[in-house]
Amino acid sequence: MDWIQQAKQLFQMPKPEHFTNYRHCCECAEHDATLLACDVDSISLQQLGNPGWDPLCFVSPEGFLFYLPALIRITLDTMAKPQERYLDQFLFHLIRDGKDHDLVRASCEHVAQSSVHSLLGF
C-alpha cells in the first residue's frame, strides 16, 4: 500500500492562512513562518526534526491535518534510520491531547482515522 499517496488523498486540505496563533509571541510567529514557508511535499526533518523546537506543538487542528501526509512521509522515510527516526514525534503529536485528541479525532472523518490506525499497525 502506498501510505503517503493514501494520506494525501484522505487529508487533502487547503493550506491555512496561518498555522499558529502567530500574534501570541515571537516563538509562535517563528513557527508559523516556518510552516507557511513549506508545503506537504517540501517540509522535512530540517523543520520538524527537533523535539525541542517543533512548530507542530503550536499548530491549529487545520494545520495539523494539512501536514499529516508529510508527517506520514517523514515517519516512513526515517524508519530505517534510528538516529533520524521521526516515529516518536509523530506519535507524540497524535496523542498529545489524550483520548479526546482534538487534532485528529474531532477533525477528520472515520475513514481517515482508520487509515492512520492501519498505518500504525503496519
PDB file of N, CA and C in Angstrom:
ATOM      1  N   MET A   1       0.847  -1.184   0.000  1.00  0.00           N
ATOM      2  CA  MET A   1       0.000   0.000   0.000  1.00  0.00           C
ATOM      3  C   MET A   1       0.892   1.249   0.000  1.00  0.00           C
ATOM      4  N   ASP A   2       0.499   2.225  -0.764  1.00  0.00           N
ATOM      5  CA  ASP A   2       1.222   3.495  -0.803  1.00  0.00           C
ATOM      6  C   ASP A   2       0.593   4.421   0.247  1.00  0.00           C
ATOM      7  N   TRP A   3       1.137   4.359   1.468  1.00  0.00           N
ATOM      8  CA  TRP A   3       0.586   5.107   2.592  1.00  0.00           C
ATOM      9  C   TRP A   3       0.631   6.615   2.363  1.00  0.00           C
ATOM     10  N   ILE A   4       1.683   7.071   1.734  1.00  0.00           N
ATOM     11  CA  ILE A   4       1.841   8.512   1.523  1.00  0.00           C
ATOM     12  C   ILE A   4       0.782   9.027   0.562  1.00  0.00           C
ATOM     13  N   GLN A   5       0.580   8.311  -0.534  1.00  0.00           N
ATOM     14  CA  GLN A   5      -0.436   8.726  -1.506  1.00  0.00           C
ATOM     15  C   GLN A   5      -1.830   8.652  -0.905  1.00  0.00           C
ATOM     16  N   GLN A   6      -2.086   7.598  -0.131  1.00  0.00           N
ATOM     17  CA  GLN A   6      -3.394   7.478   0.513  1.00  0.00           C
ATOM     18  C   GLN A   6      -3.622   8.639   1.483  1.00  0.00           C
ATOM     19  N   ALA A   7      -2.610   8.989   2.237  1.00  0.00           N
ATOM     20  CA  ALA A   7      -2.734  10.111   3.173  1.00  0.00           C
ATOM     21  C   ALA A   7      -2.990  11.417   2.425  1.00  0.00           C
ATOM     22  N   LYS A   8      -2.317  11.621   1.310  1.00  0.00           N
ATOM     23  CA  LYS A   8      -2.545  12.841   0.524  1.00  0.00           C
ATOM     24  C   LYS A   8      -3.991  12.922   0.035  1.00  0.00           C
ATOM     25  N   GLN A   9      -4.560  11.778  -0.338  1.00  0.00           N
ATOM     26  CA  GLN A   9      -5.947  11.767  -0.802  1.00  0.00           C
ATOM     27  C   GLN A   9      -6.921  11.999   0.347  1.00  0.00           C
ATOM     28  N   LEU A  10      -6.693  11.336   1.474  1.00  0.00           N
ATOM     29  CA  LEU A  10      -7.614  11.440   2.603  1.00  0.00           C
ATOM     30  C   LEU A  10      -7.534  12.777   3.324  1.00  0.00           C
ATOM     31  N   PHE A  11      -6.354  13.351   3.379  1.00  0.00           N
ATOM     32  CA  PHE A  11      -6.153  14.586   4.138  1.00  0.00           C
ATOM     33  C   PHE A  11      -5.869  15.765   3.217  1.00  0.00           C
ATOM     34  N   GLN A  12      -6.467  15.755   2.064  1.00  0.00           N
ATOM     35  CA  GLN A  12      -6.285  16.859   1.124  1.00  0.00           C
ATOM     36  C   GLN A  12      -7.010  18.082   1.680  1.00  0.00           C
ATOM     37  N   MET A  13      -6.239  19.019   2.158  1.00  0.00           N
ATOM     38  CA  MET A  13      -6.765  20.204   2.817  1.00  0.00           C
ATOM     39  C   MET A  13      -6.180  21.450   2.160  1.00  0.00           C
ATOM     40  N   PRO A  14      -6.945  22.537   2.142  1.00  0.00           N
ATOM     41  CA  PRO A  14      -6.342  23.788   1.681  1.00  0.00           C
ATOM     42  C   PRO A  14      -5.310  24.272   2.701  1.00  0.00           C
ATOM     43  N   LYS A  15      -4.279  24.921   2.200  1.00  0.00           N
ATOM     44  CA  LYS A  15      -3.240  25.438   3.097  1.00  0.00           C
ATOM     45  C   LYS A  15      -3.834  26.584   3.918  1.00  0.00           C
ATOM     46  N   PRO A  16      -3.758  26.487   5.242  1.00  0.00           N
ATOM     47  CA  PRO A  16      -4.305  27.565   6.076  1.00  0.00           C
ATOM     48  C   PRO A  16      -3.573  28.889   5.848  1.00  0.00           C
ATOM     49  N   GLU A  17      -4.267  29.964   6.104  1.00  0.00           N
ATOM     50  CA  GLU A  17      -3.648  31.290   6.013  1.00  0.00           C
ATOM     51  C   GLU A  17      -2.564  31.433   7.085  1.00  0.00           C
ATOM     52  N   HIS A  18      -2.820  30.834   8.238  1.00  0.00           N
ATOM     53  CA  HIS A  18      -1.835  30.781   9.320  1.00  0.00           C
ATOM     54  C   HIS A  18      -1.965  29.430  10.003  1.00  0.00           C
ATOM     55  N   PHE A  19      -0.872  28.953  10.567  1.00  0.00           N
ATOM     56  CA  PHE A  19      -0.842  27.645  11.214  1.00  0.00           C
ATOM     57  C   PHE A  19      -0.882  27.739  12.727  1.00  0.00           C
ATOM     58  N   THR A  20      -0.499  28.863  13.279  1.00  0.00           N
ATOM     59  CA  THR A  20      -0.443  29.045  14.728  1.00  0.00           C
ATOM     60  C   THR A  20      -1.118  30.361  15.086  1.00  0.00           C
ATOM     61  N   ASN A  21      -1.208  30.615  16.366  1.00  0.00           N
ATOM     62  CA  ASN A  21      -1.648  31.917  16.845  1.00  0.00           C
ATOM     63  C   ASN A  21      -0.418  32.833  16.786  1.00  0.00           C
ATOM     64  N   TYR A  22      -0.079  33.238  15.579  1.00  0.00           N
ATOM     65  CA  TYR A  22       1.184  33.928  15.299  1.00  0.00           C
ATOM     66  C   TYR A  22       1.334  35.269  16.017  1.00  0.00           C
ATOM     67  N   ARG A  23       0.261  35.816  16.512  1.00  0.00           N
ATOM     68  CA  ARG A  23       0.352  37.089  17.244  1.00  0.00           C
ATOM     69  C   ARG A  23       0.604  36.880  18.730  1.00  0.00           C
ATOM     70  N   HIS A  24       0.593  35.643  19.172  1.00  0.00           N
ATOM     71  CA  HIS A  24       0.752  35.339  20.593  1.00  0.00           C
ATOM     72  C   HIS A  24       2.131  35.726  21.122  1.00  0.00           C
ATOM     73  N   CYS A  25       3.172  35.304  20.405  1.00  0.00           N
ATOM     74  CA  CYS A  25       4.535  35.596  20.858  1.00  0.00           C
ATOM     75  C   CYS A  25       5.504  35.386  19.692  1.00  0.00           C
ATOM     76  N   CYS A  26       6.765  35.711  19.902  1.00  0.00           N
ATOM     77  CA  CYS A  26       7.773  35.568  18.852  1.00  0.00           C
ATOM     78  C   CYS A  26       7.950  34.106  18.445  1.00  0.00           C
ATOM     79  N   GLU A  27       7.869  33.185  19.397  1.00  0.00           N
ATOM     80  CA  GLU A  27       8.024  31.763  19.083  1.00  0.00           C
ATOM     81  C   GLU A  27       6.882  31.276  18.187  1.00  0.00           C
ATOM     82  N   CYS A  28       5.654  31.663  18.510  1.00  0.00           N
ATOM     83  CA  CYS A  28       4.515  31.279  17.667  1.00  0.00           C
ATOM     84  C   CYS A  28       4.646  31.885  16.271  1.00  0.00           C
ATOM     85  N   ALA A  29       5.092  33.118  16.191  1.00  0.00           N
ATOM     86  CA  ALA A  29       5.280  33.774  14.894  1.00  0.00           C
ATOM     87  C   ALA A  29       6.352  33.060  14.075  1.00  0.00           C
ATOM     88  N   GLU A  30       7.445  32.658  14.724  1.00  0.00           N
ATOM     89  CA  GLU A  30       8.507  31.951  14.007  1.00  0.00           C
ATOM     90  C   GLU A  30       8.039  30.582  13.521  1.00  0.00           C
ATOM     91  N   HIS A  31       7.317  29.861  14.369  1.00  0.00           N
ATOM     92  CA  HIS A  31       6.799  28.556  13.959  1.00  0.00           C
ATOM     93  C   HIS A  31       5.792  28.702  12.820  1.00  0.00           C
ATOM     94  N   ASP A  32       4.962  29.725  12.885  1.00  0.00           N
ATOM     95  CA  ASP A  32       4.004  29.981  11.818  1.00  0.00           C
ATOM     96  C   ASP A  32       4.730  30.257  10.504  1.00  0.00           C
ATOM     97  N   ALA A  33       5.768  31.072  10.554  1.00  0.00           N
ATOM     98  CA  ALA A  33       6.541  31.387   9.347  1.00  0.00           C
ATOM     99  C   ALA A  33       7.195  30.135   8.766  1.00  0.00           C
ATOM    100  N   THR A  34       7.693  29.264   9.629  1.00  0.00           N
ATOM    101  CA  THR A  34       8.300  28.007   9.168  1.00  0.00           C
ATOM    102  C   THR A  34       7.276  27.163   8.430  1.00  0.00           C
ATOM    103  N   LEU A  35       6.102  27.011   9.022  1.00  0.00           N
ATOM    104  CA  LEU A  35       5.065  26.180   8.407  1.00  0.00           C
ATOM    105  C   LEU A  35       4.508  26.821   7.131  1.00  0.00           C
ATOM    106  N   LEU A  36       4.431  28.134   7.095  1.00  0.00           N
ATOM    107  CA  LEU A  36       3.962  28.829   5.890  1.00  0.00           C
ATOM    108  C   LEU A  36       4.959  28.727   4.737  1.00  0.00           C
ATOM    109  N   ALA A  37       6.237  28.632   5.055  1.00  0.00           N
ATOM    110  CA  ALA A  37       7.277  28.604   4.023  1.00  0.00           C
ATOM    111  C   ALA A  37       7.357  27.257   3.304  1.00  0.00           C
ATOM    112  N   CYS A  38       6.723  26.241   3.855  1.00  0.00           N
ATOM    113  CA  CYS A  38       6.805  24.897   3.278  1.00  0.00           C
ATOM    114  C   CYS A  38       5.434  24.447   2.796  1.00  0.00           C
ATOM    115  N   ASP A  39       5.430  23.270   2.198  1.00  0.00           N
ATOM    116  CA  ASP A  39       4.171  22.619   1.851  1.00  0.00           C
ATOM    117  C   ASP A  39       4.297  21.138   2.181  1.00  0.00           C
ATOM    118  N   VAL A  40       3.280  20.368   1.875  1.00  0.00           N
ATOM    119  CA  VAL A  40       3.239  18.950   2.224  1.00  0.00           C
ATOM    120  C   VAL A  40       4.427  18.188   1.626  1.00  0.00           C
ATOM    121  N   ASP A  41       4.850  18.571   0.451  1.00  0.00           N
ATOM    122  CA  ASP A  41       5.940  17.856  -0.217  1.00  0.00           C
ATOM    123  C   ASP A  41       7.327  18.352   0.165  1.00  0.00           C
ATOM    124  N   SER A  42       7.430  19.563   0.681  1.00  0.00           N
ATOM    125  CA  SER A  42       8.762  20.120   0.946  1.00  0.00           C
ATOM    126  C   SER A  42       9.171  20.128   2.417  1.00  0.00           C
ATOM    127  N   ILE A  43       8.235  20.084   3.331  1.00  0.00           N
ATOM    128  CA  ILE A  43       8.613  20.115   4.745  1.00  0.00           C
ATOM    129  C   ILE A  43       9.378  18.837   5.088  1.00  0.00           C
ATOM    130  N   SER A  44      10.363  18.969   5.974  1.00  0.00           N
ATOM    131  CA  SER A  44      11.252  17.835   6.232  1.00  0.00           C
ATOM    132  C   SER A  44      11.712  17.839   7.690  1.00  0.00           C
ATOM    133  N   LEU A  45      12.630  16.919   7.977  1.00  0.00           N
ATOM    134  CA  LEU A  45      13.227  16.875   9.311  1.00  0.00           C
ATOM    135  C   LEU A  45      13.942  18.173   9.651  1.00  0.00           C
ATOM    136  N   GLN A  46      14.406  18.879   8.647  1.00  0.00           N
ATOM    137  CA  GLN A  46      15.086  20.152   8.901  1.00  0.00           C
ATOM    138  C   GLN A  46      14.164  21.101   9.668  1.00  0.00           C
ATOM    139  N   GLN A  47      12.882  21.108   9.328  1.00  0.00           N
ATOM    140  CA  GLN A  47      11.927  21.976  10.006  1.00  0.00           C
ATOM    141  C   GLN A  47      11.276  21.298  11.217  1.00  0.00           C
ATOM    142  N   LEU A  48      11.099  19.970  11.163  1.00  0.00           N
ATOM    143  CA  LEU A  48      10.302  19.284  12.180  1.00  0.00           C
ATOM    144  C   LEU A  48      11.079  18.322  13.074  1.00  0.00           C
ATOM    145  N   GLY A  49      12.341  18.118  12.804  1.00  0.00           N
ATOM    146  CA  GLY A  49      13.083  17.056  13.473  1.00  0.00           C
ATOM    147  C   GLY A  49      13.641  17.354  14.852  1.00  0.00           C
ATOM    148  N   ASN A  50      13.454  18.547  15.364  1.00  0.00           N
ATOM    149  CA  ASN A  50      13.974  18.879  16.684  1.00  0.00           C
ATOM    150  C   ASN A  50      12.816  18.917  17.682  1.00  0.00           C
ATOM    151  N   PRO A  51      12.694  17.911  18.567  1.00  0.00           N
ATOM    152  CA  PRO A  51      11.583  17.899  19.523  1.00  0.00           C
ATOM    153  C   PRO A  51      11.561  19.126  20.440  1.00  0.00           C
ATOM    154  N   GLY A  52      12.692  19.766  20.621  1.00  0.00           N
ATOM    155  CA  GLY A  52      12.756  20.950  21.469  1.00  0.00           C
ATOM    156  C   GLY A  52      12.361  22.235  20.771  1.00  0.00           C
ATOM    157  N   TRP A  53      12.207  22.170  19.461  1.00  0.00           N
ATOM    158  CA  TRP A  53      11.820  23.363  18.683  1.00  0.00           C
ATOM    159  C   TRP A  53      10.936  22.894  17.528  1.00  0.00           C
ATOM    160  N   ASP A  54       9.780  22.370  17.871  1.00  0.00           N
ATOM    161  CA  ASP A  54       8.886  21.731  16.912  1.00  0.00           C
ATOM    162  C   ASP A  54       7.668  22.616  16.662  1.00  0.00           C
ATOM    163  N   PRO A  55       7.537  23.173  15.474  1.00  0.00           N
ATOM    164  CA  PRO A  55       6.409  24.064  15.200  1.00  0.00           C
ATOM    165  C   PRO A  55       5.054  23.390  15.318  1.00  0.00           C
ATOM    166  N   LEU A  56       5.000  22.072  15.229  1.00  0.00           N
ATOM    167  CA  LEU A  56       3.709  21.387  15.314  1.00  0.00           C
ATOM    168  C   LEU A  56       3.135  21.396  16.727  1.00  0.00           C
ATOM    169  N   CYS A  57       3.935  21.725  17.718  1.00  0.00           N
ATOM    170  CA  CYS A  57       3.410  21.821  19.079  1.00  0.00           C
ATOM    171  C   CYS A  57       2.431  22.984  19.220  1.00  0.00           C
ATOM    172  N   PHE A  58       2.470  23.915  18.301  1.00  0.00           N
ATOM    173  CA  PHE A  58       1.624  25.110  18.363  1.00  0.00           C
ATOM    174  C   PHE A  58       0.610  25.178  17.222  1.00  0.00           C
ATOM    175  N   VAL A  59       0.527  24.144  16.422  1.00  0.00           N
ATOM    176  CA  VAL A  59      -0.270  24.173  15.206  1.00  0.00           C
ATOM    177  C   VAL A  59      -1.768  24.037  15.499  1.00  0.00           C
ATOM    178  N   SER A  60      -2.572  24.653  14.636  1.00  0.00           N
ATOM    179  CA  SER A  60      -4.031  24.529  14.721  1.00  0.00           C
ATOM    180  C   SER A  60      -4.451  23.148  14.211  1.00  0.00           C
ATOM    181  N   PRO A  61      -5.665  22.701  14.546  1.00  0.00           N
ATOM    182  CA  PRO A  61      -6.140  21.421  14.012  1.00  0.00           C
ATOM    183  C   PRO A  61      -6.102  21.373  12.480  1.00  0.00           C
ATOM    184  N   GLU A  62      -6.474  22.464  11.826  1.00  0.00           N
ATOM    185  CA  GLU A  62      -6.461  22.511  10.360  1.00  0.00           C
ATOM    186  C   GLU A  62      -5.030  22.403   9.826  1.00  0.00           C
ATOM    187  N   GLY A  63      -4.114  23.061  10.501  1.00  0.00           N
ATOM    188  CA  GLY A  63      -2.712  22.994  10.095  1.00  0.00           C
ATOM    189  C   GLY A  63      -2.135  21.604  10.283  1.00  0.00           C
ATOM    190  N   PHE A  64      -2.513  20.946  11.369  1.00  0.00           N
ATOM    191  CA  PHE A  64      -2.044  19.586  11.603  1.00  0.00           C
ATOM    192  C   PHE A  64      -2.540  18.654  10.504  1.00  0.00           C
ATOM    193  N   LEU A  65      -3.814  18.751  10.178  1.00  0.00           N
ATOM    194  CA  LEU A  65      -4.356  17.885   9.122  1.00  0.00           C
ATOM    195  C   LEU A  65      -3.738  18.197   7.772  1.00  0.00           C
ATOM    196  N   PHE A  66      -3.451  19.465   7.510  1.00  0.00           N
ATOM    197  CA  PHE A  66      -2.793  19.835   6.259  1.00  0.00           C
ATOM    198  C   PHE A  66      -1.450  19.124   6.135  1.00  0.00           C
ATOM    199  N   TYR A  67      -0.693  19.087   7.235  1.00  0.00           N
ATOM    200  CA  TYR A  67       0.641  18.490   7.203  1.00  0.00           C
ATOM    201  C   TYR A  67       0.671  16.998   7.539  1.00  0.00           C
ATOM    202  N   LEU A  68      -0.457  16.385   7.855  1.00  0.00           N
ATOM    203  CA  LEU A  68      -0.450  14.971   8.220  1.00  0.00           C
ATOM    204  C   LEU A  68       0.155  14.065   7.142  1.00  0.00           C
ATOM    205  N   PRO A  69      -0.121  14.265   5.852  1.00  0.00           N
ATOM    206  CA  PRO A  69       0.563  13.433   4.843  1.00  0.00           C
ATOM    207  C   PRO A  69       2.089  13.578   4.902  1.00  0.00           C
ATOM    208  N   ALA A  70       2.569  14.765   5.187  1.00  0.00           N
ATOM    209  CA  ALA A  70       4.019  14.971   5.298  1.00  0.00           C
ATOM    210  C   ALA A  70       4.570  14.242   6.526  1.00  0.00           C
ATOM    211  N   LEU A  71       3.832  14.253   7.612  1.00  0.00           N
ATOM    212  CA  LEU A  71       4.286  13.564   8.820  1.00  0.00           C
ATOM    213  C   LEU A  71       4.365  12.066   8.579  1.00  0.00           C
ATOM    214  N   ILE A  72       3.408  11.540   7.845  1.00  0.00           N
ATOM    215  CA  ILE A  72       3.433  10.121   7.485  1.00  0.00           C
ATOM    216  C   ILE A  72       4.629   9.838   6.583  1.00  0.00           C
ATOM    217  N   ARG A  73       4.877  10.706   5.612  1.00  0.00           N
ATOM    218  CA  ARG A  73       6.031  10.542   4.711  1.00  0.00           C
ATOM    219  C   ARG A  73       7.339  10.558   5.494  1.00  0.00           C
ATOM    220  N   ILE A  74       7.505  11.537   6.357  1.00  0.00           N
ATOM    221  CA  ILE A  74       8.737  11.655   7.132  1.00  0.00           C
ATOM    222  C   ILE A  74       8.905  10.445   8.047  1.00  0.00           C
ATOM    223  N   THR A  75       7.827  10.011   8.671  1.00  0.00           N
ATOM    224  CA  THR A  75       7.883   8.842   9.553  1.00  0.00           C
ATOM    225  C   THR A  75       8.329   7.612   8.786  1.00  0.00           C
ATOM    226  N   LEU A  76       7.715   7.353   7.657  1.00  0.00           N
ATOM    227  CA  LEU A  76       8.066   6.171   6.866  1.00  0.00           C
ATOM    228  C   LEU A  76       9.484   6.265   6.305  1.00  0.00           C
ATOM    229  N   ASP A  77       9.867   7.437   5.857  1.00  0.00           N
ATOM    230  CA  ASP A  77      11.198   7.625   5.269  1.00  0.00           C
ATOM    231  C   ASP A  77      12.328   7.475   6.288  1.00  0.00           C
ATOM    232  N   THR A  78      12.018   7.621   7.571  1.00  0.00           N
ATOM    233  CA  THR A  78      13.072   7.564   8.586  1.00  0.00           C
ATOM    234  C   THR A  78      13.033   6.301   9.440  1.00  0.00           C
ATOM    235  N   MET A  79      12.143   5.376   9.143  1.00  0.00           N
ATOM    236  CA  MET A  79      12.010   4.175   9.981  1.00  0.00           C
ATOM    237  C   MET A  79      13.303   3.354  10.035  1.00  0.00           C
ATOM    238  N   ALA A  80      14.043   3.310   8.953  1.00  0.00           N
ATOM    239  CA  ALA A  80      15.269   2.501   8.913  1.00  0.00           C
ATOM    240  C   ALA A  80      16.502   3.281   9.368  1.00  0.00           C
ATOM    241  N   LYS A  81      16.291   4.501   9.849  1.00  0.00           N
ATOM    242  CA  LYS A  81      17.399   5.357  10.278  1.00  0.00           C
ATOM    243  C   LYS A  81      17.214   5.726  11.747  1.00  0.00           C
ATOM    244  N   PRO A  82      17.687   4.874  12.661  1.00  0.00           N
ATOM    245  CA  PRO A  82      17.429   5.104  14.092  1.00  0.00           C
ATOM    246  C   PRO A  82      17.810   6.497  14.597  1.00  0.00           C
ATOM    247  N   GLN A  83      18.869   7.084  14.080  1.00  0.00           N
ATOM    248  CA  GLN A  83      19.293   8.401  14.550  1.00  0.00           C
ATOM    249  C   GLN A  83      18.384   9.525  14.059  1.00  0.00           C
ATOM    250  N   GLU A  84      17.604   9.269  13.013  1.00  0.00           N
ATOM    251  CA  GLU A  84      16.718  10.287  12.448  1.00  0.00           C
ATOM    252  C   GLU A  84      15.249   9.943  12.621  1.00  0.00           C
ATOM    253  N   ARG A  85      14.952   8.814  13.205  1.00  0.00           N
ATOM    254  CA  ARG A  85      13.574   8.300  13.256  1.00  0.00           C
ATOM    255  C   ARG A  85      12.610   9.343  13.808  1.00  0.00           C
ATOM    256  N   TYR A  86      11.529   9.590  13.062  1.00  0.00           N
ATOM    257  CA  TYR A  86      10.527  10.588  13.421  1.00  0.00           C
ATOM    258  C   TYR A  86       9.332   9.970  14.148  1.00  0.00           C
ATOM    259  N   LEU A  87       9.286   8.664  14.242  1.00  0.00           N
ATOM    260  CA  LEU A  87       8.119   7.974  14.792  1.00  0.00           C
ATOM    261  C   LEU A  87       7.724   8.494  16.173  1.00  0.00           C
ATOM    262  N   ASP A  88       8.666   8.706  17.055  1.00  0.00           N
ATOM    263  CA  ASP A  88       8.335   9.181  18.405  1.00  0.00           C
ATOM    264  C   ASP A  88       7.619  10.526  18.374  1.00  0.00           C
ATOM    265  N   GLN A  89       8.114  11.444  17.559  1.00  0.00           N
ATOM    266  CA  GLN A  89       7.462  12.753  17.459  1.00  0.00           C
ATOM    267  C   GLN A  89       6.088  12.626  16.818  1.00  0.00           C
ATOM    268  N   PHE A  90       5.975  11.771  15.810  1.00  0.00           N
ATOM    269  CA  PHE A  90       4.682  11.557  15.155  1.00  0.00           C
ATOM    270  C   PHE A  90       3.660  11.045  16.177  1.00  0.00           C
ATOM    271  N   LEU A  91       4.040  10.052  16.952  1.00  0.00           N
ATOM    272  CA  LEU A  91       3.136   9.512  17.968  1.00  0.00           C
ATOM    273  C   LEU A  91       2.804  10.562  19.027  1.00  0.00           C
ATOM    274  N   PHE A  92       3.779  11.350  19.426  1.00  0.00           N
ATOM    275  CA  PHE A  92       3.537  12.428  20.381  1.00  0.00           C
ATOM    276  C   PHE A  92       2.450  13.366  19.872  1.00  0.00           C
ATOM    277  N   HIS A  93       2.535  13.740  18.597  1.00  0.00           N
ATOM    278  CA  HIS A  93       1.538  14.658  18.041  1.00  0.00           C
ATOM    279  C   HIS A  93       0.170  14.005  17.918  1.00  0.00           C
ATOM    280  N   LEU A  94       0.139  12.714  17.664  1.00  0.00           N
ATOM    281  CA  LEU A  94      -1.144  12.024  17.563  1.00  0.00           C
ATOM    282  C   LEU A  94      -1.846  11.894  18.913  1.00  0.00           C
ATOM    283  N   ILE A  95      -1.098  11.793  19.995  1.00  0.00           N
ATOM    284  CA  ILE A  95      -1.715  11.552  21.306  1.00  0.00           C
ATOM    285  C   ILE A  95      -1.604  12.724  22.265  1.00  0.00           C
ATOM    286  N   ARG A  96      -1.129  13.845  21.830  1.00  0.00           N
ATOM    287  CA  ARG A  96      -0.791  14.917  22.774  1.00  0.00           C
ATOM    288  C   ARG A  96      -1.949  15.392  23.635  1.00  0.00           C
ATOM    289  N   ASP A  97      -3.166  15.216  23.178  1.00  0.00           N
ATOM    290  CA  ASP A  97      -4.318  15.628  23.979  1.00  0.00           C
ATOM    291  C   ASP A  97      -5.034  14.445  24.612  1.00  0.00           C
ATOM    292  N   GLY A  98      -4.415  13.289  24.603  1.00  0.00           N
ATOM    293  CA  GLY A  98      -5.033  12.122  25.214  1.00  0.00           C
ATOM    294  C   GLY A  98      -6.175  11.566  24.384  1.00  0.00           C
ATOM    295  N   LYS A  99      -7.089  10.887  25.048  1.00  0.00           N
ATOM    296  CA  LYS A  99      -8.140  10.158  24.338  1.00  0.00           C
ATOM    297  C   LYS A  99      -9.103  11.076  23.588  1.00  0.00           C
ATOM    298  N   ASP A 100      -9.222  12.309  23.958  1.00  0.00           N
ATOM    299  CA  ASP A 100     -10.115  13.243  23.272  1.00  0.00           C
ATOM    300  C   ASP A 100      -9.340  14.183  22.362  1.00  0.00           C
ATOM    301  N   HIS A 101      -8.368  13.649  21.698  1.00  0.00           N
ATOM    302  CA  HIS A 101      -7.450  14.424  20.851  1.00  0.00           C
ATOM    303  C   HIS A 101      -8.229  15.277  19.849  1.00  0.00           C
ATOM    304  N   ASP A 102      -8.078  16.592  19.947  1.00  0.00           N
ATOM    305  CA  ASP A 102      -8.824  17.484  19.072  1.00  0.00           C
ATOM    306  C   ASP A 102      -8.222  17.615  17.681  1.00  0.00           C
ATOM    307  N   LEU A 103      -6.960  17.277  17.510  1.00  0.00           N
ATOM    308  CA  LEU A 103      -6.337  17.481  16.208  1.00  0.00           C
ATOM    309  C   LEU A 103      -6.678  16.393  15.206  1.00  0.00           C
ATOM    310  N   VAL A 104      -6.870  15.176  15.646  1.00  0.00           N
ATOM    311  CA  VAL A 104      -7.172  14.101  14.711  1.00  0.00           C
ATOM    312  C   VAL A 104      -8.593  13.605  14.910  1.00  0.00           C
ATOM    313  N   ARG A 105      -8.915  13.248  16.118  1.00  0.00           N
ATOM    314  CA  ARG A 105     -10.194  12.601  16.378  1.00  0.00           C
ATOM    315  C   ARG A 105     -11.384  13.478  16.000  1.00  0.00           C
ATOM    316  N   ALA A 106     -11.389  14.710  16.411  1.00  0.00           N
ATOM    317  CA  ALA A 106     -12.519  15.580  16.144  1.00  0.00           C
ATOM    318  C   ALA A 106     -12.439  16.241  14.780  1.00  0.00           C
ATOM    319  N   SER A 107     -11.287  16.192  14.139  1.00  0.00           N
ATOM    320  CA  SER A 107     -11.082  16.966  12.920  1.00  0.00           C
ATOM    321  C   SER A 107     -11.161  16.165  11.633  1.00  0.00           C
ATOM    322  N   CYS A 108     -11.187  14.857  11.723  1.00  0.00           N
ATOM    323  CA  CYS A 108     -11.217  14.104  10.475  1.00  0.00           C
ATOM    324  C   CYS A 108     -12.243  12.979  10.541  1.00  0.00           C
ATOM    325  N   GLU A 109     -12.637  12.540   9.380  1.00  0.00           N
ATOM    326  CA  GLU A 109     -13.658  11.519   9.262  1.00  0.00           C
ATOM    327  C   GLU A 109     -13.134  10.161   9.727  1.00  0.00           C
ATOM    328  N   HIS A 110     -14.064   9.268   9.996  1.00  0.00           N
ATOM    329  CA  HIS A 110     -13.723   7.927  10.467  1.00  0.00           C
ATOM    330  C   HIS A 110     -12.791   7.203   9.496  1.00  0.00           C
ATOM    331  N   VAL A 111     -13.010   7.353   8.187  1.00  0.00           N
ATOM    332  CA  VAL A 111     -12.160   6.690   7.191  1.00  0.00           C
ATOM    333  C   VAL A 111     -10.714   7.152   7.337  1.00  0.00           C
ATOM    334  N   ALA A 112     -10.517   8.431   7.528  1.00  0.00           N
ATOM    335  CA  ALA A 112      -9.163   8.965   7.692  1.00  0.00           C
ATOM    336  C   ALA A 112      -8.550   8.481   9.002  1.00  0.00           C
ATOM    337  N   GLN A 113      -9.333   8.446  10.071  1.00  0.00           N
ATOM    338  CA  GLN A 113      -8.826   7.919  11.340  1.00  0.00           C
ATOM    339  C   GLN A 113      -8.406   6.466  11.178  1.00  0.00           C
ATOM    340  N   SER A 114      -9.227   5.686  10.478  1.00  0.00           N
ATOM    341  CA  SER A 114      -8.906   4.274  10.255  1.00  0.00           C
ATOM    342  C   SER A 114      -7.622   4.111   9.460  1.00  0.00           C
ATOM    343  N   SER A 115      -7.387   4.992   8.531  1.00  0.00           N
ATOM    344  CA  SER A 115      -6.163   4.939   7.737  1.00  0.00           C
ATOM    345  C   SER A 115      -4.930   5.153   8.610  1.00  0.00           C
ATOM    346  N   VAL A 116      -4.994   6.111   9.529  1.00  0.00           N
ATOM    347  CA  VAL A 116      -3.879   6.369  10.435  1.00  0.00           C
ATOM    348  C   VAL A 116      -3.688   5.150  11.340  1.00  0.00           C
ATOM    349  N   HIS A 117      -4.768   4.559  11.823  1.00  0.00           N
ATOM    350  CA  HIS A 117      -4.670   3.366  12.666  1.00  0.00           C
ATOM    351  C   HIS A 117      -4.017   2.229  11.891  1.00  0.00           C
ATOM    352  N   SER A 118      -4.402   2.039  10.644  1.00  0.00           N
ATOM    353  CA  SER A 118      -3.805   0.983   9.818  1.00  0.00           C
ATOM    354  C   SER A 118      -2.315   1.210   9.606  1.00  0.00           C
ATOM    355  N   LEU A 119      -1.941   2.453   9.347  1.00  0.00           N
ATOM    356  CA  LEU A 119      -0.534   2.776   9.182  1.00  0.00           C
ATOM    357  C   LEU A 119       0.257   2.421  10.428  1.00  0.00           C
ATOM    358  N   LEU A 120      -0.271   2.756  11.590  1.00  0.00           N
ATOM    359  CA  LEU A 120       0.437   2.478  12.839  1.00  0.00           C
ATOM    360  C   LEU A 120       0.570   0.964  13.070  1.00  0.00           C
ATOM    361  N   GLY A 121      -0.371   0.204  12.561  1.00  0.00           N
ATOM    362  CA  GLY A 121      -0.293  -1.252  12.672  1.00  0.00           C
ATOM    363  C   GLY A 121       0.695  -1.858  11.707  1.00  0.00           C
ATOM    364  N   PHE A 122       1.044  -1.102  10.682  1.00  0.00           N
ATOM    365  CA  PHE A 122       1.985  -1.554   9.656  1.00  0.00           C
ATOM    366  C   PHE A 122       3.331  -1.686  10.276  1.00  0.00           C
TER     367      PHE A 122
END
